[in-house]
Amino acid sequence: HARRYTACVPAAPSLPVDATLCPLCGQDNRCANEIERATGVKQEACWCTQVDFGADLLARVPPPARRLACICARCARGEAAA
């Protein structure tokens, strides 16, 4: 009777989330919070704090990036990346 190898194969390590990029299109999201964090220069409130993102749009964000990277204004408006 042959024995089979049944150990779990480890999942590929997930790449770190870049909070400055839109998790949907990969373009710069221009998040004021991330700009302030990177530059140390106080920013006005980010545009995204004034927008209601639909559940269907938020559901498209890959799980590793949820609540870590802002959707860009273009994707929020439903426009295709240039």
Protein backbone atom coordinates (compact mmCIF):
# COMPACT_ATOMS: atom_id res chain seq x y z
CA HIS A 1 0.00 0.00 0.00
CA ALA A 2 1.57 3.25 -1.17
CA ARG A 3 1.54 6.22 1.16
CA ARG A 4 0.51 9.57 -0.18
CA TYR A 5 1.96 12.88 0.87
CA THR A 6 -0.97 14.81 2.33
CA ALA A 7 0.63 17.80 4.05
CA CYS A 8 -0.89 21.17 3.32
CA VAL A 9 0.88 23.31 0.80
CA PRO A 10 1.47 26.72 2.35
CA ALA A 11 -0.32 29.60 0.69
CA ALA A 12 1.80 32.00 -1.29
CA PRO A 13 2.84 34.90 0.91
CA SER A 14 0.62 37.89 0.27
CA LEU A 15 2.31 41.01 -0.95
CA PRO A 16 2.17 44.04 1.32
CA VAL A 17 -0.65 46.42 0.48
CA ASP A 18 0.49 49.78 -0.93
CA ALA A 19 -1.97 52.21 0.64
CA THR A 20 -1.08 54.89 -1.93
CA LEU A 21 -2.50 52.83 -4.80
CA CYS A 22 -6.11 52.10 -5.66
CA PRO A 23 -6.79 48.42 -4.94
CA LEU A 24 -9.01 48.21 -8.04
CA CYS A 25 -6.94 49.81 -10.82
CA GLY A 26 -3.47 50.09 -9.23
CA GLN A 27 -3.18 53.81 -9.98
CA ASP A 28 -2.30 56.54 -7.45
CA ASN A 29 -5.35 57.04 -5.23
CA ARG A 30 -4.29 60.54 -4.05
CA CYS A 31 -5.47 59.73 -0.53
CA ALA A 32 -4.84 62.81 1.63
CA ASN A 33 -4.24 60.59 4.66
CA GLU A 34 -1.42 58.75 2.88
CA ILE A 35 0.03 61.98 1.47
CA GLU A 36 0.14 63.41 5.00
CA ARG A 37 1.69 60.22 6.35
CA ALA A 38 4.37 60.23 3.63
CA THR A 39 5.21 63.94 3.70
CA GLY A 40 4.40 64.98 7.25
CA VAL A 41 2.50 67.95 5.79
CA LYS A 42 -0.99 68.44 7.22
CA GLN A 43 -3.68 67.84 4.57
CA GLU A 44 -7.32 68.79 4.30
CA ALA A 45 -9.78 65.94 4.86
CA CYS A 46 -9.56 63.41 2.05
CA TRP A 47 -12.23 63.59 -0.66
CA CYS A 48 -13.14 59.99 0.17
CA THR A 49 -14.50 61.00 3.55
CA GLN A 50 -17.28 62.89 1.74
CA VAL A 51 -18.34 59.99 -0.53
CA ASP A 52 -20.61 57.04 0.08
CA PHE A 53 -19.07 54.02 -1.64
CA GLY A 54 -21.62 51.42 -2.73
CA ALA A 55 -21.46 47.91 -1.28
CA ASP A 56 -20.94 46.45 -4.78
CA LEU A 57 -17.88 48.67 -5.32
CA LEU A 58 -16.44 47.86 -1.90
CA ALA A 59 -17.00 44.15 -2.51
CA ARG A 60 -14.65 44.36 -5.53
CA VAL A 61 -11.72 45.38 -3.30
CA PRO A 62 -9.44 42.37 -2.76
CA PRO A 63 -9.70 41.15 0.86
CA PRO A 64 -6.03 41.90 1.72
CA ALA A 65 -6.53 45.58 0.79
CA ARG A 66 -9.88 46.12 2.51
CA ARG A 67 -9.76 49.01 4.98
CA LEU A 68 -6.08 49.53 4.10
CA ALA A 69 -6.09 51.26 0.70
CA CYS A 70 -8.48 53.88 -0.69
CA ILE A 71 -10.33 53.44 -3.95
CA CYS A 72 -9.35 56.25 -6.34
CA ALA A 73 -11.85 58.88 -7.49
CA ARG A 74 -11.89 57.46 -11.03
CA CYS A 75 -12.92 53.98 -9.84
CA ALA A 76 -15.38 55.50 -7.38
CA ARG A 77 -17.06 57.25 -10.31
CA GLY A 78 -17.05 53.98 -12.30
CA GLU A 79 -14.61 55.24 -14.96
CA ALA A 80 -12.04 53.00 -16.63
CA ALA A 81 -8.35 53.69 -16.01
CA ALA A 82 -6.59 55.59 -18.79
